[in-house]
Amino acid sequence: MTNQITLLEQEIMSDIEERRELMSRLRLLYVRYGFSQRDEELFLYHSIPIIYSIWEGFIQTAFKTYVQELNKLELTIDKVCDSIIIYHMESKFPQFKQYPKEDADKFTKKVDFFNNLRQFYKTNPLEIHPNISTESNVGFKVLNRILKDFSLEEIPKVPRPGYPLNTELHKLLDTRNKIAHGQKSAIVVNREDLEKAIKVVEELMDLVFERIKTGFIERSYLK
């Protein structure tokens, strides 16, 4: 168990450091190469989607690493907490969210569904599904939904006085979405905006890492 905790920490910490390094390079790029004002504006505008991709990529990678370490424990279905079971079943069986309607073809799909479900309950150990649904919008609601799915402590909207983390993350996500939809005239990104975007991602990565590590040590994945 100790070796697994160390490996989990090392992999996620290494991923965080790589992402920090990339954001640091973005922060210095326009300074290092002496961009003209027009080029700097263009660079800053497109830097926000890059920062967001670093954030969403971290969530995907961190939880995939967590799932891999959980699966190494060879947990049985009767030992895993309800939230992870629900997450896994909804990932593996989309029929729970969109149940087949009545017709000849859909009846066959229902039979397949229940046969697969029957097989699922006979399978031990549980192989938790590794693909994390981020809905391509990892805002505060989605982030805490993912943490809750894995029975991990949710992140408060204001983790410390004077720093509304939820508001800062919303700004990053909202700006990224507007840029992605081509609303160029409505968005102006300056150096301060880039600094704030980097800051919120760095803080959130640390908070997510702390919760994954604590959950693994305290075995919050068990009933």
Protein backbone atom coordinates (compact mmCIF):
# COMPACT_ATOMS: atom_id res chain seq x y z
CA MET A 1 0.00 0.00 0.00
CA THR A 2 2.83 2.40 0.90
CA ASN A 3 4.50 1.79 -2.46
CA GLN A 4 1.25 2.51 -4.27
CA ILE A 5 0.77 5.78 -2.39
CA THR A 6 4.31 6.81 -3.33
CA LEU A 7 3.74 5.90 -6.98
CA LEU A 8 0.42 7.76 -7.05
CA GLU A 9 2.05 10.84 -5.55
CA GLN A 10 5.02 10.70 -7.90
CA GLU A 11 2.94 10.36 -11.05
CA ILE A 12 0.52 13.16 -10.22
CA MET A 13 3.24 15.46 -8.87
CA SER A 14 5.30 14.90 -12.01
CA ASP A 15 2.28 15.75 -14.16
CA ILE A 16 1.66 18.93 -12.15
CA GLU A 17 5.27 20.03 -12.52
CA GLU A 18 5.16 19.52 -16.29
CA ARG A 19 2.01 21.60 -16.52
CA ARG A 20 3.47 24.32 -14.28
CA GLU A 21 6.54 24.46 -16.49
CA LEU A 22 4.43 24.80 -19.62
CA MET A 23 2.39 27.64 -18.09
CA SER A 24 5.59 29.35 -16.94
CA ARG A 25 6.91 29.25 -20.50
CA LEU A 26 3.65 30.74 -21.77
CA ARG A 27 3.93 33.50 -19.18
CA LEU A 28 7.40 34.49 -20.40
CA LEU A 29 7.05 33.88 -24.11
CA TYR A 30 5.85 37.30 -25.19
CA VAL A 31 8.44 38.99 -22.93
CA ARG A 32 11.33 36.87 -24.15
CA TYR A 33 10.68 37.44 -27.84
CA GLY A 34 9.63 41.08 -27.62
CA PHE A 35 6.27 40.77 -29.36
CA SER A 36 4.80 43.83 -30.96
CA GLN A 37 1.63 45.11 -29.33
CA ARG A 38 -0.53 43.46 -31.98
CA ASP A 39 1.31 40.13 -31.70
CA GLU A 40 1.10 40.26 -27.90
CA GLU A 41 -2.64 40.84 -28.04
CA LEU A 42 -3.02 37.88 -30.40
CA PHE A 43 -0.84 35.68 -28.21
CA LEU A 44 -2.68 36.58 -24.99
CA TYR A 45 -6.05 36.04 -26.65
CA HIS A 46 -5.14 32.49 -27.66
CA SER A 47 -3.28 31.72 -24.43
CA ILE A 48 -6.53 31.28 -22.49
CA PRO A 49 -7.73 28.18 -24.41
CA ILE A 50 -4.23 26.73 -23.91
CA ILE A 51 -4.39 27.33 -20.14
CA TYR A 52 -7.84 25.74 -20.03
CA SER A 53 -6.63 22.67 -21.98
CA ILE A 54 -3.82 22.29 -19.42
CA TRP A 55 -6.42 22.32 -16.65
CA GLU A 56 -8.85 19.87 -18.26
CA GLY A 57 -5.96 17.62 -19.29
CA PHE A 58 -4.78 17.52 -15.68
CA ILE A 59 -8.20 16.37 -14.45
CA GLN A 60 -8.27 13.59 -17.05
CA THR A 61 -4.74 12.43 -16.27
CA ALA A 62 -4.95 12.72 -12.47
CA PHE A 63 -8.14 10.70 -12.16
CA LYS A 64 -6.99 8.14 -14.71
CA THR A 65 -3.89 7.64 -12.54
CA TYR A 66 -6.09 7.35 -9.45
CA VAL A 67 -8.33 4.76 -11.12
CA GLN A 68 -5.28 2.75 -12.24
CA GLU A 69 -4.03 2.60 -8.65
CA LEU A 70 -7.47 1.64 -7.33
CA ASN A 71 -7.71 -1.16 -9.87
CA LYS A 72 -4.37 -2.54 -8.71
CA LEU A 73 -6.00 -3.15 -5.32
CA GLU A 74 -8.33 -5.71 -6.95
CA LEU A 75 -11.35 -4.47 -5.04
CA THR A 76 -14.53 -6.53 -5.04
CA ILE A 77 -17.88 -4.99 -5.91
CA ASP A 78 -19.24 -5.45 -2.39
CA LYS A 79 -16.33 -3.48 -0.88
CA VAL A 80 -16.36 -0.38 -3.12
CA CYS A 81 -18.31 2.70 -2.00
CA ASP A 82 -21.64 3.48 -3.64
CA SER A 83 -20.53 6.64 -5.44
CA ILE A 84 -17.75 4.84 -7.34
CA ILE A 85 -20.08 1.96 -8.19
CA ILE A 86 -22.61 4.43 -9.60
CA TYR A 87 -19.91 6.30 -11.54
CA HIS A 88 -18.58 3.04 -12.96
CA MET A 89 -21.98 1.64 -13.92
CA GLU A 90 -23.13 4.84 -15.60
CA SER A 91 -19.85 4.92 -17.54
CA LYS A 92 -20.07 1.28 -18.56
CA PHE A 93 -23.82 1.17 -19.15
CA PRO A 94 -25.09 4.36 -20.85
CA GLN A 95 -28.54 2.73 -20.88
CA PHE A 96 -28.98 3.92 -17.30
CA LYS A 97 -29.13 7.47 -18.63
CA GLN A 98 -31.01 6.71 -21.85
CA TYR A 99 -32.98 3.51 -21.52
CA PRO A 100 -33.99 1.86 -24.84
CA LYS A 101 -37.61 2.54 -25.82
CA GLU A 102 -40.02 -0.14 -26.96
CA ASP A 103 -39.68 -1.57 -30.49
CA ALA A 104 -38.27 -4.76 -31.98
CA ASP A 105 -34.72 -3.48 -32.30
CA LYS A 106 -34.71 -1.85 -28.87
CA PHE A 107 -35.88 -5.10 -27.25
CA THR A 108 -32.68 -6.79 -28.46
CA LYS A 109 -30.69 -3.93 -26.97
CA LYS A 110 -32.50 -4.42 -23.67
CA VAL A 111 -31.65 -8.11 -23.64
CA ASP A 112 -27.99 -7.31 -24.33
CA PHE A 113 -28.05 -4.68 -21.60
CA PHE A 114 -29.39 -7.05 -18.95
CA ASN A 115 -27.06 -9.87 -20.01
CA ASN A 116 -24.11 -7.52 -19.67
CA LEU A 117 -25.45 -6.31 -16.34
CA ARG A 118 -25.76 -9.88 -15.10
CA GLN A 119 -22.19 -10.56 -16.14
CA PHE A 120 -21.05 -7.37 -14.43
CA TYR A 121 -22.25 -8.58 -11.04
CA LYS A 122 -20.42 -11.87 -11.51
CA THR A 123 -17.12 -10.17 -12.31
CA ASN A 124 -14.57 -9.74 -9.52
CA PRO A 125 -12.42 -7.85 -8.91
CA LEU A 126 -14.03 -4.65 -10.11
CA GLU A 127 -12.23 -2.94 -12.99
CA ILE A 128 -13.24 0.68 -12.50
CA HIS A 129 -13.87 2.55 -15.75
CA PRO A 130 -10.89 4.89 -16.46
CA ASN A 131 -12.54 7.46 -18.75
CA ILE A 132 -13.56 10.58 -16.86
CA SER A 133 -16.43 12.65 -18.26
CA THR A 134 -15.45 16.32 -18.05
CA GLU A 135 -18.30 17.47 -20.32
CA SER A 136 -15.55 19.57 -22.00
CA ASN A 137 -16.30 22.22 -19.38
CA VAL A 138 -14.48 21.64 -16.11
CA GLY A 139 -16.05 24.40 -14.08
CA PHE A 140 -16.67 24.23 -10.35
CA LYS A 141 -19.85 22.20 -10.64
CA VAL A 142 -18.26 19.54 -12.87
CA LEU A 143 -15.09 19.47 -10.77
CA ASN A 144 -16.95 18.78 -7.54
CA ARG A 145 -19.18 16.27 -9.29
CA ILE A 146 -16.08 14.29 -10.30
CA LEU A 147 -14.66 14.49 -6.77
CA LYS A 148 -17.99 13.32 -5.37
CA ASP A 149 -18.10 10.44 -7.87
CA PHE A 150 -14.87 9.15 -6.32
CA SER A 151 -15.92 9.80 -2.72
CA LEU A 152 -13.37 12.59 -2.35
CA GLU A 153 -13.77 15.84 -0.45
CA GLU A 154 -15.29 18.61 -2.52
CA ILE A 155 -13.42 21.90 -2.98
CA PRO A 156 -14.98 24.96 -1.29
CA LYS A 157 -15.88 27.89 -3.50
CA VAL A 158 -13.77 30.17 -1.32
CA PRO A 159 -10.87 28.07 0.02
CA ARG A 160 -9.37 31.05 1.80
CA PRO A 161 -10.66 34.54 2.67
CA GLY A 162 -10.58 36.97 -0.20
CA TYR A 163 -10.03 34.43 -2.95
CA PRO A 164 -13.30 33.29 -4.62
CA LEU A 165 -11.88 30.30 -6.48
CA ASN A 166 -15.19 29.49 -8.12
CA THR A 167 -15.41 32.98 -9.62
CA GLU A 168 -11.87 32.83 -11.00
CA LEU A 169 -12.45 29.39 -12.54
CA HIS A 170 -15.71 30.62 -14.05
CA LYS A 171 -13.85 33.54 -15.67
CA LEU A 172 -11.33 31.16 -17.22
CA LEU A 173 -14.02 28.83 -18.51
CA ASP A 174 -16.27 31.63 -19.76
CA THR A 175 -13.42 33.36 -21.61
CA ARG A 176 -12.27 30.10 -23.14
CA ASN A 177 -15.80 29.27 -24.32
CA LYS A 178 -16.30 32.71 -25.89
CA ILE A 179 -12.96 32.48 -27.68
CA ALA A 180 -13.79 28.95 -28.87
CA HIS A 181 -17.04 30.27 -30.34
CA GLY A 182 -15.28 33.07 -32.17
CA GLN A 183 -16.55 35.99 -30.08
CA LYS A 184 -13.34 37.94 -30.64
CA SER A 185 -14.86 41.41 -30.44
CA ALA A 186 -16.33 40.68 -27.00
CA ILE A 187 -13.06 39.49 -25.43
CA VAL A 188 -9.90 41.38 -24.54
CA VAL A 189 -7.20 39.40 -22.73
CA ASN A 190 -4.39 41.26 -20.98
CA ARG A 191 -1.33 40.16 -19.02
CA GLU A 192 -3.23 40.24 -15.73
CA ASP A 193 -5.89 37.91 -17.13
CA LEU A 194 -3.22 35.40 -18.11
CA GLU A 195 -1.61 35.59 -14.66
CA LYS A 196 -4.98 35.02 -12.96
CA ALA A 197 -5.76 32.07 -15.23
CA ILE A 198 -2.41 30.44 -14.43
CA LYS A 199 -2.85 31.10 -10.71
CA VAL A 200 -6.29 29.47 -10.53
CA VAL A 201 -5.12 26.38 -12.42
CA GLU A 202 -2.04 26.00 -10.23
CA GLU A 203 -4.10 26.27 -7.05
CA LEU A 204 -6.78 23.89 -8.26
CA MET A 205 -4.25 21.26 -9.33
CA ASP A 206 -2.78 21.31 -5.81
CA LEU A 207 -6.22 21.06 -4.19
CA VAL A 208 -7.28 18.16 -6.41
CA PHE A 209 -3.99 16.37 -5.75
CA GLU A 210 -4.43 16.76 -1.98
CA ARG A 211 -7.89 15.22 -2.15
CA ILE A 212 -6.81 12.28 -4.30
CA LYS A 213 -3.86 11.55 -2.03
CA THR A 214 -5.95 11.85 1.14
CA GLY A 215 -8.73 9.71 -0.30
CA PHE A 216 -6.27 6.97 -1.22
CA ILE A 217 -4.56 7.02 2.18
CA GLU A 218 -7.83 7.09 4.13
CA ARG A 219 -9.46 4.54 1.79
CA SER A 220 -12.49 6.66 1.08
CA TYR A 221 -13.14 4.36 -1.89
CA LEU A 222 -14.39 1.66 0.49
CA LYS A 223 -17.87 1.33 1.95
